[in-house]
Amino acid sequence: MRSVPRWALLSSGCAPLLLAGGWTVAALLEGPAYDPVTQTISVLAAYGAAGSWAMTGAFLALGVCHLLTAWGLRPAARAGRLALAGGGVAALGVALVPTPSSGGSLYHGAVVVVGFTLLAVWPVLAAVRSEGGPWGLRLLPSVAATVVMALGAVWFLVEMNRQGPVGVAERLVTCVQSTWPLVVVASCLRSRVSRIVAGGEGSRGGGEDGGIGGAGVTGAADGESVPPRRPPGG
């Protein structure tokens, strides 16, 4: 199985931090006029918003992080890597097509739906069926992650229609979606270390069995006569 480069841990780990940091700074700049419970994250990046630069920068950074992580996740199935990369492109699209200062935007909404869908299905598409693979790429955890993300996305759409706590739903979904790549990368690196340790122990064990003492025991067991060693000077 191909290994994951260590820099993928940085790209996947920065994704949730930059996203949460972006909406925190943008909300502080927006002031009490912004309600994080009932308003979406996209409102912070809307035209004319005081903290639009912070939220837009966070979306751009998130997209770049997802693209880099998809590139580095070599053990994952290709379909999953492409879906994760597509989610990164969607994050870039959210930044480049912000919502207007009032009302909605069909283009922005379409990009958000595409991004949510790709980031929800990429775990199950990235799963591999080989035994003993990284935990984050096994089928059961991958299906569970996709189910959780899909349910969160449905909750977000429901709250959008009923004008409920849509901000809470969106933040929960995006936190899970931005954190799962880190879980997968960390499990791949841990699996690699475990294989290296197991291989080292196997090599040491083979050396002990094939040593000088082992050869002598084998020879005696096969019935070979071992000539007596002469004393010095004899």
C-alpha atoms as a PDB file:
ATOM      1  CA  MET A   1       0.000   0.000   0.000  1.00  0.00           C
ATOM      2  CA  ARG A   2       1.305   3.423  -0.933  1.00  0.00           C
ATOM      3  CA  SER A   3       2.289   5.692   1.946  1.00  0.00           C
ATOM      4  CA  VAL A   4       0.952   9.117   2.887  1.00  0.00           C
ATOM      5  CA  PRO A   5       3.497  11.971   3.015  1.00  0.00           C
ATOM      6  CA  ARG A   6       3.823  13.670   6.363  1.00  0.00           C
ATOM      7  CA  TRP A   7       2.920  17.084   4.941  1.00  0.00           C
ATOM      8  CA  ALA A   8      -0.626  15.766   4.432  1.00  0.00           C
ATOM      9  CA  LEU A   9      -0.968  15.877   8.221  1.00  0.00           C
ATOM     10  CA  LEU A  10      -0.333  19.618   8.046  1.00  0.00           C
ATOM     11  CA  SER A  11      -2.798  20.304   5.231  1.00  0.00           C
ATOM     12  CA  SER A  12      -5.553  18.202   6.795  1.00  0.00           C
ATOM     13  CA  GLY A  13      -4.926  19.594  10.275  1.00  0.00           C
ATOM     14  CA  CYS A  14      -5.011  23.208   9.147  1.00  0.00           C
ATOM     15  CA  ALA A  15      -8.370  22.830   7.385  1.00  0.00           C
ATOM     16  CA  PRO A  16     -10.685  22.832  10.456  1.00  0.00           C
ATOM     17  CA  LEU A  17      -8.532  25.358  12.307  1.00  0.00           C
ATOM     18  CA  LEU A  18      -8.524  27.867   9.465  1.00  0.00           C
ATOM     19  CA  LEU A  19     -12.243  27.451   8.849  1.00  0.00           C
ATOM     20  CA  ALA A  20     -13.228  27.934  12.491  1.00  0.00           C
ATOM     21  CA  GLY A  21     -10.734  30.770  12.879  1.00  0.00           C
ATOM     22  CA  GLY A  22     -12.149  32.485   9.806  1.00  0.00           C
ATOM     23  CA  TRP A  23     -15.742  32.494  10.953  1.00  0.00           C
ATOM     24  CA  THR A  24     -14.720  33.509  14.485  1.00  0.00           C
ATOM     25  CA  VAL A  25     -12.749  36.547  13.303  1.00  0.00           C
ATOM     26  CA  ALA A  26     -15.404  37.496  10.751  1.00  0.00           C
ATOM     27  CA  ALA A  27     -18.177  37.291  13.355  1.00  0.00           C
ATOM     28  CA  LEU A  28     -16.204  39.498  15.752  1.00  0.00           C
ATOM     29  CA  LEU A  29     -15.694  42.087  13.030  1.00  0.00           C
ATOM     30  CA  GLU A  30     -19.370  41.951  12.098  1.00  0.00           C
ATOM     31  CA  GLY A  31     -20.435  42.689  15.671  1.00  0.00           C
ATOM     32  CA  PRO A  32     -23.793  42.025  17.349  1.00  0.00           C
ATOM     33  CA  ALA A  33     -25.650  42.457  14.058  1.00  0.00           C
ATOM     34  CA  TYR A  34     -24.632  38.928  13.133  1.00  0.00           C
ATOM     35  CA  ASP A  35     -26.364  35.973  14.818  1.00  0.00           C
ATOM     36  CA  PRO A  36     -24.283  32.784  14.516  1.00  0.00           C
ATOM     37  CA  VAL A  37     -27.263  30.648  15.531  1.00  0.00           C
ATOM     38  CA  THR A  38     -29.726  31.674  12.822  1.00  0.00           C
ATOM     39  CA  GLN A  39     -27.395  32.987  10.089  1.00  0.00           C
ATOM     40  CA  THR A  40     -25.110  31.009   7.815  1.00  0.00           C
ATOM     41  CA  ILE A  41     -21.363  31.237   7.472  1.00  0.00           C
ATOM     42  CA  SER A  42     -21.771  32.554   3.940  1.00  0.00           C
ATOM     43  CA  VAL A  43     -23.345  35.727   5.312  1.00  0.00           C
ATOM     44  CA  LEU A  44     -19.970  36.599   6.812  1.00  0.00           C
ATOM     45  CA  ALA A  45     -18.401  36.511   3.327  1.00  0.00           C
ATOM     46  CA  ALA A  46     -21.197  38.472   1.636  1.00  0.00           C
ATOM     47  CA  TYR A  47     -20.562  41.645  -0.317  1.00  0.00           C
ATOM     48  CA  GLY A  48     -20.141  44.590   2.054  1.00  0.00           C
ATOM     49  CA  ALA A  49     -19.706  42.496   5.227  1.00  0.00           C
ATOM     50  CA  ALA A  50     -17.142  43.875   7.666  1.00  0.00           C
ATOM     51  CA  GLY A  51     -15.352  40.545   8.005  1.00  0.00           C
ATOM     52  CA  SER A  52     -15.791  39.315   4.446  1.00  0.00           C
ATOM     53  CA  TRP A  53     -12.033  39.268   3.864  1.00  0.00           C
ATOM     54  CA  ALA A  54     -11.521  36.886   6.815  1.00  0.00           C
ATOM     55  CA  MET A  55     -14.278  34.488   5.814  1.00  0.00           C
ATOM     56  CA  THR A  56     -13.332  34.561   2.142  1.00  0.00           C
ATOM     57  CA  GLY A  57      -9.717  33.851   3.048  1.00  0.00           C
ATOM     58  CA  ALA A  58     -10.847  30.933   5.215  1.00  0.00           C
ATOM     59  CA  PHE A  59     -12.855  29.447   2.320  1.00  0.00           C
ATOM     60  CA  LEU A  60      -9.863  29.777   0.000  1.00  0.00           C
ATOM     61  CA  ALA A  61      -7.527  28.191   2.546  1.00  0.00           C
ATOM     62  CA  LEU A  62      -9.998  25.359   3.140  1.00  0.00           C
ATOM     63  CA  GLY A  63     -10.164  24.615  -0.572  1.00  0.00           C
ATOM     64  CA  VAL A  64      -6.387  24.540  -0.913  1.00  0.00           C
ATOM     65  CA  CYS A  65      -6.077  22.264   2.141  1.00  0.00           C
ATOM     66  CA  HIS A  66      -8.591  19.780   0.723  1.00  0.00           C
ATOM     67  CA  LEU A  67      -6.806  19.745  -2.644  1.00  0.00           C
ATOM     68  CA  LEU A  68      -3.426  19.081  -1.019  1.00  0.00           C
ATOM     69  CA  THR A  69      -4.843  16.384   1.253  1.00  0.00           C
ATOM     70  CA  ALA A  70      -6.529  14.648  -1.684  1.00  0.00           C
ATOM     71  CA  TRP A  71      -3.199  14.669  -3.497  1.00  0.00           C
ATOM     72  CA  GLY A  72      -1.360  13.163  -0.542  1.00  0.00           C
ATOM     73  CA  LEU A  73      -3.915  10.451   0.329  1.00  0.00           C
ATOM     74  CA  ARG A  74      -2.306   7.873  -1.937  1.00  0.00           C
ATOM     75  CA  PRO A  75      -3.638   4.748  -0.166  1.00  0.00           C
ATOM     76  CA  ALA A  76      -7.267   5.898  -0.667  1.00  0.00           C
ATOM     77  CA  ALA A  77      -9.363   4.831  -3.644  1.00  0.00           C
ATOM     78  CA  ARG A  78      -9.158   7.213  -6.575  1.00  0.00           C
ATOM     79  CA  ALA A  79     -12.884   8.007  -6.566  1.00  0.00           C
ATOM     80  CA  GLY A  80     -12.684   9.230  -2.971  1.00  0.00           C
ATOM     81  CA  ARG A  81      -9.624  11.357  -3.657  1.00  0.00           C
ATOM     82  CA  LEU A  82     -11.374  12.968  -6.619  1.00  0.00           C
ATOM     83  CA  ALA A  83     -14.471  13.653  -4.515  1.00  0.00           C
ATOM     84  CA  LEU A  84     -12.365  15.282  -1.782  1.00  0.00           C
ATOM     85  CA  ALA A  85     -10.576  17.384  -4.397  1.00  0.00           C
ATOM     86  CA  GLY A  86     -13.957  18.349  -5.836  1.00  0.00           C
ATOM     87  CA  GLY A  87     -15.013  19.480  -2.368  1.00  0.00           C
ATOM     88  CA  GLY A  88     -11.914  21.655  -2.260  1.00  0.00           C
ATOM     89  CA  VAL A  89     -12.804  23.190  -5.613  1.00  0.00           C
ATOM     90  CA  ALA A  90     -16.331  23.838  -4.303  1.00  0.00           C
ATOM     91  CA  ALA A  91     -14.866  25.668  -1.293  1.00  0.00           C
ATOM     92  CA  LEU A  92     -12.904  27.865  -3.688  1.00  0.00           C
ATOM     93  CA  GLY A  93     -16.140  28.458  -5.604  1.00  0.00           C
ATOM     94  CA  VAL A  94     -17.939  29.530  -2.425  1.00  0.00           C
ATOM     95  CA  ALA A  95     -15.236  32.138  -1.899  1.00  0.00           C
ATOM     96  CA  LEU A  96     -15.333  33.351  -5.509  1.00  0.00           C
ATOM     97  CA  VAL A  97     -19.142  33.453  -5.713  1.00  0.00           C
ATOM     98  CA  PRO A  98     -20.226  35.089  -2.445  1.00  0.00           C
ATOM     99  CA  THR A  99     -23.800  35.806  -1.503  1.00  0.00           C
ATOM    100  CA  PRO A 100     -25.193  39.317  -2.112  1.00  0.00           C
ATOM    101  CA  SER A 101     -25.658  41.680   0.801  1.00  0.00           C
ATOM    102  CA  SER A 102     -29.419  40.996   0.727  1.00  0.00           C
ATOM    103  CA  GLY A 103     -31.366  38.058  -0.644  1.00  0.00           C
ATOM    104  CA  GLY A 104     -29.975  34.801  -1.960  1.00  0.00           C
ATOM    105  CA  SER A 105     -27.872  33.644  -4.869  1.00  0.00           C
ATOM    106  CA  LEU A 106     -28.734  30.641  -7.039  1.00  0.00           C
ATOM    107  CA  TYR A 107     -25.102  30.153  -8.114  1.00  0.00           C
ATOM    108  CA  HIS A 108     -23.815  30.348  -4.561  1.00  0.00           C
ATOM    109  CA  GLY A 109     -26.460  27.905  -3.341  1.00  0.00           C
ATOM    110  CA  ALA A 110     -25.632  25.439  -6.124  1.00  0.00           C
ATOM    111  CA  VAL A 111     -21.934  25.510  -5.260  1.00  0.00           C
ATOM    112  CA  VAL A 112     -22.731  24.924  -1.584  1.00  0.00           C
ATOM    113  CA  VAL A 113     -24.945  21.922  -2.377  1.00  0.00           C
ATOM    114  CA  VAL A 114     -22.299  20.402  -4.654  1.00  0.00           C
ATOM    115  CA  GLY A 115     -19.624  20.924  -2.011  1.00  0.00           C
ATOM    116  CA  PHE A 116     -21.710  19.397   0.774  1.00  0.00           C
ATOM    117  CA  THR A 117     -22.515  16.389  -1.418  1.00  0.00           C
ATOM    118  CA  LEU A 118     -18.922  15.701  -2.476  1.00  0.00           C
ATOM    119  CA  LEU A 119     -17.542  16.072   1.041  1.00  0.00           C
ATOM    120  CA  ALA A 120     -20.268  13.770   2.374  1.00  0.00           C
ATOM    121  CA  VAL A 121     -19.663  10.916  -0.067  1.00  0.00           C
ATOM    122  CA  TRP A 122     -15.858  11.017  -0.304  1.00  0.00           C
ATOM    123  CA  PRO A 123     -15.237   8.835   2.791  1.00  0.00           C
ATOM    124  CA  VAL A 124     -17.170   5.855   1.442  1.00  0.00           C
ATOM    125  CA  LEU A 125     -15.728   6.346  -2.039  1.00  0.00           C
ATOM    126  CA  ALA A 126     -12.198   6.403  -0.592  1.00  0.00           C
ATOM    127  CA  ALA A 127     -12.624   3.170   1.380  1.00  0.00           C
ATOM    128  CA  VAL A 128     -10.406   0.214   0.503  1.00  0.00           C
ATOM    129  CA  ARG A 129     -11.299  -3.428   1.079  1.00  0.00           C
ATOM    130  CA  SER A 130      -7.842  -4.753   1.846  1.00  0.00           C
ATOM    131  CA  GLU A 131      -7.501  -6.415   5.253  1.00  0.00           C
ATOM    132  CA  GLY A 132      -5.344  -4.670   7.795  1.00  0.00           C
ATOM    133  CA  GLY A 133      -5.583  -1.292   6.063  1.00  0.00           C
ATOM    134  CA  PRO A 134      -5.680   2.070   7.859  1.00  0.00           C
ATOM    135  CA  TRP A 135      -8.679   2.454  10.148  1.00  0.00           C
ATOM    136  CA  GLY A 136      -9.877   5.638   8.436  1.00  0.00           C
ATOM    137  CA  LEU A 137     -10.051   3.853   5.072  1.00  0.00           C
ATOM    138  CA  ARG A 138     -11.918   0.763   6.254  1.00  0.00           C
ATOM    139  CA  LEU A 139     -15.446   0.336   4.996  1.00  0.00           C
ATOM    140  CA  LEU A 140     -17.388   0.508   8.269  1.00  0.00           C
ATOM    141  CA  PRO A 141     -15.888   3.778   9.613  1.00  0.00           C
ATOM    142  CA  SER A 142     -16.116   5.298   6.139  1.00  0.00           C
ATOM    143  CA  VAL A 143     -19.805   4.446   5.792  1.00  0.00           C
ATOM    144  CA  ALA A 144     -20.468   5.791   9.285  1.00  0.00           C
ATOM    145  CA  ALA A 145     -18.734   9.081   8.450  1.00  0.00           C
ATOM    146  CA  THR A 146     -20.728   9.450   5.230  1.00  0.00           C
ATOM    147  CA  VAL A 147     -24.004   8.754   7.045  1.00  0.00           C
ATOM    148  CA  VAL A 148     -23.234  11.341   9.734  1.00  0.00           C
ATOM    149  CA  MET A 149     -22.289  13.986   7.152  1.00  0.00           C
ATOM    150  CA  ALA A 150     -25.349  13.224   5.025  1.00  0.00           C
ATOM    151  CA  LEU A 151     -27.678  13.497   8.004  1.00  0.00           C
ATOM    152  CA  GLY A 152     -26.044  16.773   8.988  1.00  0.00           C
ATOM    153  CA  ALA A 153     -26.501  18.141   5.475  1.00  0.00           C
ATOM    154  CA  VAL A 154     -30.184  17.157   5.530  1.00  0.00           C
ATOM    155  CA  TRP A 155     -30.573  18.866   8.895  1.00  0.00           C
ATOM    156  CA  PHE A 156     -28.977  21.997   7.448  1.00  0.00           C
ATOM    157  CA  LEU A 157     -31.406  22.046   4.509  1.00  0.00           C
ATOM    158  CA  VAL A 158     -34.375  21.503   6.820  1.00  0.00           C
ATOM    159  CA  GLU A 159     -33.345  24.402   9.038  1.00  0.00           C
ATOM    160  CA  MET A 160     -32.851  26.567   5.967  1.00  0.00           C
ATOM    161  CA  ASN A 161     -36.468  26.001   4.939  1.00  0.00           C
ATOM    162  CA  ARG A 162     -37.960  26.471   8.390  1.00  0.00           C
ATOM    163  CA  GLN A 163     -35.630  29.367   9.306  1.00  0.00           C
ATOM    164  CA  GLY A 164     -34.387  27.616  12.396  1.00  0.00           C
ATOM    165  CA  PRO A 165     -30.888  27.383  13.908  1.00  0.00           C
ATOM    166  CA  VAL A 166     -29.291  27.034  10.483  1.00  0.00           C
ATOM    167  CA  GLY A 167     -26.008  28.499  11.678  1.00  0.00           C
ATOM    168  CA  VAL A 168     -25.587  25.752  14.275  1.00  0.00           C
ATOM    169  CA  ALA A 169     -26.385  23.033  11.745  1.00  0.00           C
ATOM    170  CA  GLU A 170     -23.977  24.435   9.161  1.00  0.00           C
ATOM    171  CA  ARG A 171     -21.135  24.777  11.635  1.00  0.00           C
ATOM    172  CA  LEU A 172     -21.596  21.230  12.898  1.00  0.00           C
ATOM    173  CA  VAL A 173     -21.605  19.769   9.375  1.00  0.00           C
ATOM    174  CA  THR A 174     -18.607  21.769   8.197  1.00  0.00           C
ATOM    175  CA  CYS A 175     -16.643  20.874  11.337  1.00  0.00           C
ATOM    176  CA  VAL A 176     -17.176  17.163  10.735  1.00  0.00           C
ATOM    177  CA  GLN A 177     -16.427  17.462   7.011  1.00  0.00           C
ATOM    178  CA  SER A 178     -13.248  19.453   7.544  1.00  0.00           C
ATOM    179  CA  THR A 179     -11.987  17.191  10.353  1.00  0.00           C
ATOM    180  CA  TRP A 180     -12.507  13.768   8.762  1.00  0.00           C
ATOM    181  CA  PRO A 181      -9.587  14.145   6.310  1.00  0.00           C
ATOM    182  CA  LEU A 182      -7.312  14.666   9.325  1.00  0.00           C
ATOM    183  CA  VAL A 183      -8.651  11.462  10.904  1.00  0.00           C
ATOM    184  CA  VAL A 184      -7.952   9.500   7.720  1.00  0.00           C
ATOM    185  CA  VAL A 185      -4.442  10.906   7.277  1.00  0.00           C
ATOM    186  CA  ALA A 186      -3.549  10.259  10.920  1.00  0.00           C
ATOM    187  CA  SER A 187      -4.768   6.657  10.678  1.00  0.00           C
ATOM    188  CA  CYS A 188      -2.721   6.103   7.509  1.00  0.00           C
ATOM    189  CA  LEU A 189       0.452   7.414   9.151  1.00  0.00           C
ATOM    190  CA  ARG A 190      -0.165   5.322  12.256  1.00  0.00           C
ATOM    191  CA  SER A 191      -0.713   2.218  10.138  1.00  0.00           C
ATOM    192  CA  ARG A 192       2.563   2.894   8.341  1.00  0.00           C
ATOM    193  CA  VAL A 193       4.472   3.162  11.626  1.00  0.00           C
ATOM    194  CA  SER A 194       2.875  -0.066  12.855  1.00  0.00           C
ATOM    195  CA  ARG A 195       3.973  -1.894   9.701  1.00  0.00           C
ATOM    196  CA  ILE A 196       7.527  -0.602  10.054  1.00  0.00           C
ATOM    197  CA  VAL A 197       7.700  -1.696  13.695  1.00  0.00           C
ATOM    198  CA  ALA A 198       6.263  -5.112  12.863  1.00  0.00           C
ATOM    199  CA  GLY A 199       8.756  -5.545  10.035  1.00  0.00           C
ATOM    200  CA  GLY A 200      11.663  -4.653  12.300  1.00  0.00           C
ATOM    201  CA  GLU A 201      10.605  -7.149  14.940  1.00  0.00           C
ATOM    202  CA  GLY A 202      10.246  -9.842  12.278  1.00  0.00           C
ATOM    203  CA  SER A 203      13.758  -9.161  10.995  1.00  0.00           C
ATOM    204  CA  ARG A 204      15.245  -9.408  14.464  1.00  0.00           C
ATOM    205  CA  GLY A 205      13.384 -12.645  15.086  1.00  0.00           C
ATOM    206  CA  GLY A 206      14.678 -14.135  11.826  1.00  0.00           C
ATOM    207  CA  GLY A 207      18.245 -13.197  12.714  1.00  0.00           C
ATOM    208  CA  GLU A 208      18.026 -14.986  16.043  1.00  0.00           C
ATOM    209  CA  ASP A 209      16.656 -18.173  14.468  1.00  0.00           C
ATOM    210  CA  GLY A 210      19.328 -18.204  11.770  1.00  0.00           C
ATOM    211  CA  GLY A 211      22.319 -17.511  13.999  1.00  0.00           C
ATOM    212  CA  ILE A 212      25.353 -19.601  14.755  1.00  0.00           C
ATOM    213  CA  GLY A 213      23.718 -21.385  17.650  1.00  0.00           C
ATOM    214  CA  GLY A 214      20.669 -22.215  15.559  1.00  0.00           C
ATOM    215  CA  ALA A 215      22.799 -23.739  12.824  1.00  0.00           C
ATOM    216  CA  GLY A 216      24.611 -25.948  15.321  1.00  0.00           C
ATOM    217  CA  VAL A 217      21.351 -27.218  16.826  1.00  0.00           C
ATOM    218  CA  THR A 218      19.974 -27.975  13.398  1.00  0.00           C
ATOM    219  CA  GLY A 219      23.073 -29.881  12.412  1.00  0.00           C
ATOM    220  CA  ALA A 220      22.932 -32.010  15.540  1.00  0.00           C
ATOM    221  CA  ALA A 221      19.266 -32.719  15.026  1.00  0.00           C
ATOM    222  CA  ASP A 222      19.953 -33.911  11.479  1.00  0.00           C
ATOM    223  CA  GLY A 223      22.364 -36.481  12.786  1.00  0.00           C
ATOM    224  CA  GLU A 224      25.517 -34.879  11.498  1.00  0.00           C
ATOM    225  CA  SER A 225      28.630 -35.696  13.464  1.00  0.00           C
ATOM    226  CA  VAL A 226      30.382 -32.731  14.938  1.00  0.00           C
ATOM    227  CA  PRO A 227      34.110 -33.395  15.286  1.00  0.00           C
ATOM    228  CA  PRO A 228      35.586 -32.705  18.695  1.00  0.00           C
ATOM    229  CA  ARG A 229      37.591 -29.569  19.028  1.00  0.00           C
ATOM    230  CA  ARG A 230      41.286 -30.192  19.651  1.00  0.00           C
ATOM    231  CA  PRO A 231      42.947 -28.398  22.510  1.00  0.00           C
ATOM    232  CA  PRO A 232      45.662 -25.915  21.598  1.00  0.00           C
ATOM    233  CA  GLY A 233      49.051 -27.519  21.005  1.00  0.00           C
ATOM    234  CA  GLY A 234      47.519 -30.963  20.655  1.00  0.00           C
END
